[in-house]
N, C-alpha and C. Protein backbone atom coordinates (compact mmCIF):
# COMPACT_ATOMS: atom_id res chain seq x y z
N MET A 1 32.72 145.11 17.61
CA MET A 1 33.75 144.24 17.03
C MET A 1 35.06 144.37 18.05
N VAL A 2 35.47 145.33 18.12
CA VAL A 2 36.62 145.76 19.15
C VAL A 2 36.47 145.06 20.46
N GLU A 3 35.24 144.98 21.24
CA GLU A 3 35.01 144.54 22.34
C GLU A 3 35.30 142.92 22.14
N ILE A 4 34.73 142.30 21.20
CA ILE A 4 34.77 141.00 21.16
C ILE A 4 36.22 140.56 20.86
N VAL A 5 36.98 141.29 20.24
CA VAL A 5 38.38 141.00 19.88
C VAL A 5 39.15 141.17 21.28
N ASP A 6 38.84 142.15 22.05
CA ASP A 6 39.27 142.36 23.48
C ASP A 6 39.11 141.14 24.17
N LYS A 7 37.95 140.58 24.19
CA LYS A 7 37.46 139.43 25.19
C LYS A 7 38.20 138.28 24.49
N ILE A 8 38.31 138.24 23.36
CA ILE A 8 39.07 137.15 22.97
C ILE A 8 40.67 136.85 23.36
N ARG A 9 40.97 138.11 23.01
CA ARG A 9 42.51 138.33 23.89
C ARG A 9 42.78 138.02 25.35
N TYR A 10 41.71 138.57 25.86
CA TYR A 10 41.79 138.47 27.29
C TYR A 10 41.71 137.03 27.57
N ALA A 11 40.83 136.31 27.06
CA ALA A 11 40.50 134.67 27.07
C ALA A 11 41.89 133.84 26.84
N LEU A 12 42.48 134.19 25.81
CA LEU A 12 43.97 133.78 25.47
C LEU A 12 45.16 134.08 26.47
N THR A 13 44.93 135.30 26.97
CA THR A 13 45.90 135.41 27.89
C THR A 13 45.53 134.71 29.21
N VAL A 14 44.44 134.74 29.71
CA VAL A 14 44.08 133.69 30.91
C VAL A 14 44.57 132.34 30.64
N GLU A 15 44.27 131.79 29.35
CA GLU A 15 44.56 130.29 29.11
C GLU A 15 45.94 130.37 29.03
N GLU A 16 46.84 131.07 28.50
CA GLU A 16 48.08 131.05 28.34
C GLU A 16 49.13 130.97 30.11
N ASN A 17 48.18 131.86 30.81
CA ASN A 17 48.75 131.86 32.23
C ASN A 17 48.49 130.63 32.73
N ARG A 18 47.03 130.15 32.62
CA ARG A 18 46.82 128.94 33.38
C ARG A 18 47.73 127.87 32.74
N GLN A 19 48.19 127.56 31.62
CA GLN A 19 49.10 126.65 31.06
C GLN A 19 50.64 126.80 31.63
N GLU A 20 50.89 127.93 31.95
CA GLU A 20 52.19 128.22 32.31
C GLU A 20 52.27 127.84 34.02
N GLU A 21 51.09 128.19 34.77
CA GLU A 21 50.90 127.63 36.03
C GLU A 21 51.10 126.08 36.15
N ASN A 22 50.42 125.32 35.29
CA ASN A 22 50.34 123.98 35.21
C ASN A 22 51.56 123.45 35.18
N LYS A 23 52.46 123.95 34.09
CA LYS A 23 53.62 123.62 33.80
C LYS A 23 54.70 123.80 34.76
N MET A 24 54.48 124.72 35.45
CA MET A 24 55.36 124.81 36.87
C MET A 24 54.89 123.99 38.05
N GLU A 25 53.38 123.71 38.12
CA GLU A 25 53.09 122.48 39.05
C GLU A 25 53.48 121.41 38.74
N PHE A 26 53.44 120.88 37.60
CA PHE A 26 54.19 119.51 37.20
C PHE A 26 55.60 119.56 37.26
N ARG A 27 56.39 120.33 36.95
CA ARG A 27 57.78 120.42 37.07
C ARG A 27 58.32 120.39 38.47
N ASN A 28 57.55 121.02 39.41
CA ASN A 28 57.92 121.02 40.88
C ASN A 28 57.54 119.54 41.48
N HIS A 29 56.43 119.25 41.09
CA HIS A 29 55.90 117.99 41.44
C HIS A 29 56.76 116.75 40.95
N LEU A 30 57.13 116.71 39.69
CA LEU A 30 58.03 115.86 39.26
C LEU A 30 59.31 115.96 40.11
N MET A 31 60.01 116.76 40.20
CA MET A 31 61.29 116.79 41.15
C MET A 31 61.03 116.27 42.44
N GLU A 32 60.11 116.93 43.21
CA GLU A 32 59.87 116.61 44.59
C GLU A 32 59.84 115.05 44.53
N LEU A 33 58.69 114.52 43.58
CA LEU A 33 58.41 112.97 43.85
C LEU A 33 59.94 112.16 43.41
N ARG A 34 60.70 112.67 42.47
CA ARG A 34 61.90 112.06 42.14
C ARG A 34 62.91 111.96 43.50
N LYS A 35 62.76 113.18 43.96
CA LYS A 35 63.79 113.38 45.30
C LYS A 35 63.23 112.49 46.16
N GLN A 36 61.88 112.38 46.64
CA GLN A 36 61.31 111.46 47.63
C GLN A 36 61.85 110.13 47.41
N LYS A 37 61.85 109.83 45.97
CA LYS A 37 62.43 108.13 45.91
C LYS A 37 63.77 108.11 46.06
N GLY A 38 64.61 109.22 46.11
CA GLY A 38 65.96 109.07 46.06
C GLY A 38 66.62 108.68 44.59
N TRP A 39 66.02 109.28 43.65
CA TRP A 39 66.14 108.74 42.20
C TRP A 39 67.11 109.82 41.55
N SER A 40 67.94 109.71 40.78
CA SER A 40 68.58 110.66 40.02
C SER A 40 67.78 110.90 38.73
N GLN A 41 67.93 111.81 37.96
CA GLN A 41 67.15 112.16 36.79
C GLN A 41 67.37 110.86 35.93
N GLU A 42 68.78 110.37 35.90
CA GLU A 42 68.99 109.23 35.19
C GLU A 42 68.46 107.99 35.57
N GLN A 43 68.15 107.72 36.46
CA GLN A 43 67.48 106.46 37.16
C GLN A 43 65.97 106.59 36.90
N LEU A 44 65.39 107.85 36.99
CA LEU A 44 64.00 108.03 36.65
C LEU A 44 63.93 107.91 35.09
N GLY A 45 64.77 108.30 34.31
CA GLY A 45 64.74 108.31 32.90
C GLY A 45 64.90 106.80 32.21
N GLU A 46 65.55 106.11 33.10
CA GLU A 46 65.50 104.50 32.67
C GLU A 46 64.45 103.94 33.13
N ARG A 47 63.71 104.42 34.25
CA ARG A 47 62.47 103.90 34.37
C ARG A 47 61.33 103.95 33.69
N ILE A 48 61.32 105.05 33.04
CA ILE A 48 60.31 105.58 31.91
C ILE A 48 60.68 105.36 30.64
N GLY A 49 61.77 105.27 30.17
CA GLY A 49 62.20 105.02 28.89
C GLY A 49 62.67 106.37 28.17
N VAL A 50 63.27 107.40 29.03
CA VAL A 50 63.76 108.55 28.21
C VAL A 50 65.36 108.68 28.84
N ILE A 51 65.87 109.53 28.13
CA ILE A 51 67.34 109.85 29.03
C ILE A 51 67.04 111.04 29.57
N ARG A 52 68.36 111.04 30.53
CA ARG A 52 68.41 112.11 31.34
C ARG A 52 68.23 113.19 31.07
N GLN A 53 68.55 113.81 30.06
CA GLN A 53 68.37 115.29 29.44
C GLN A 53 66.98 115.80 29.46
N THR A 54 66.09 114.60 28.87
CA THR A 54 64.63 114.65 28.86
C THR A 54 64.16 115.05 30.17
N VAL A 55 64.58 114.41 31.13
CA VAL A 55 64.09 114.62 32.45
C VAL A 55 64.40 116.01 33.16
N SER A 56 65.62 116.38 32.84
CA SER A 56 66.04 117.64 33.27
C SER A 56 65.36 118.75 32.44
N LYS A 57 65.09 118.54 31.41
CA LYS A 57 64.35 119.65 30.57
C LYS A 57 62.60 119.61 30.99
N TRP A 58 62.27 118.39 31.39
CA TRP A 58 60.98 118.52 32.11
C TRP A 58 60.87 119.36 33.38
N GLU A 59 62.04 119.19 34.32
CA GLU A 59 61.97 119.72 35.51
C GLU A 59 62.37 121.19 35.47
N THR A 60 63.28 121.60 34.36
CA THR A 60 63.26 123.07 34.23
C THR A 60 62.32 123.59 33.48
N GLY A 61 61.28 123.05 33.22
CA GLY A 61 60.22 123.61 32.28
C GLY A 61 60.49 124.07 30.70
N ASP A 62 61.60 123.42 30.17
CA ASP A 62 61.97 123.83 28.89
C ASP A 62 60.99 122.89 27.76
N THR A 63 60.74 121.69 28.30
CA THR A 63 59.64 121.07 27.52
C THR A 63 58.66 120.29 28.49
N THR A 64 57.82 119.80 28.01
CA THR A 64 56.83 119.05 28.89
C THR A 64 56.71 117.53 28.22
N PRO A 65 56.41 116.57 29.16
CA PRO A 65 56.23 115.35 28.59
C PRO A 65 55.08 115.05 27.81
N GLU A 66 54.98 114.18 27.02
CA GLU A 66 53.83 113.81 26.24
C GLU A 66 53.21 112.53 27.20
N MET A 67 51.92 112.87 27.44
CA MET A 67 51.09 111.99 28.70
C MET A 67 51.50 110.58 28.32
N VAL A 68 51.41 110.31 26.86
CA VAL A 68 51.61 108.87 26.45
C VAL A 68 52.77 108.18 27.13
N LYS A 69 53.76 108.97 27.31
CA LYS A 69 55.19 108.57 27.78
C LYS A 69 54.90 108.12 29.48
N LEU A 70 54.21 108.99 29.84
CA LEU A 70 54.07 109.02 31.27
C LEU A 70 53.09 107.94 31.61
N ILE A 71 51.99 107.96 30.98
CA ILE A 71 51.02 106.87 31.34
C ILE A 71 51.57 105.37 31.12
N GLY A 72 52.45 105.27 29.97
CA GLY A 72 52.86 103.89 29.81
C GLY A 72 54.07 103.34 30.58
N ALA A 73 54.39 104.19 31.32
CA ALA A 73 55.62 103.95 32.45
C ALA A 73 55.31 103.08 33.57
């Protein structure tokens, strides 16, 4: 029983690490693309229907966007 619990804990840790890596990748990619376009956070926000503070939180990794928000943009 302990072995199964250890395996589950390990799997959860791996998944949490993967999610954190994906979040970092997303925020770096978002900032890079925004800067390539020469857009401010405010300009990007206007284009996709969010406020500048939301874009800032995405880029700092404080929050992640709802995919519906990004797909609809």
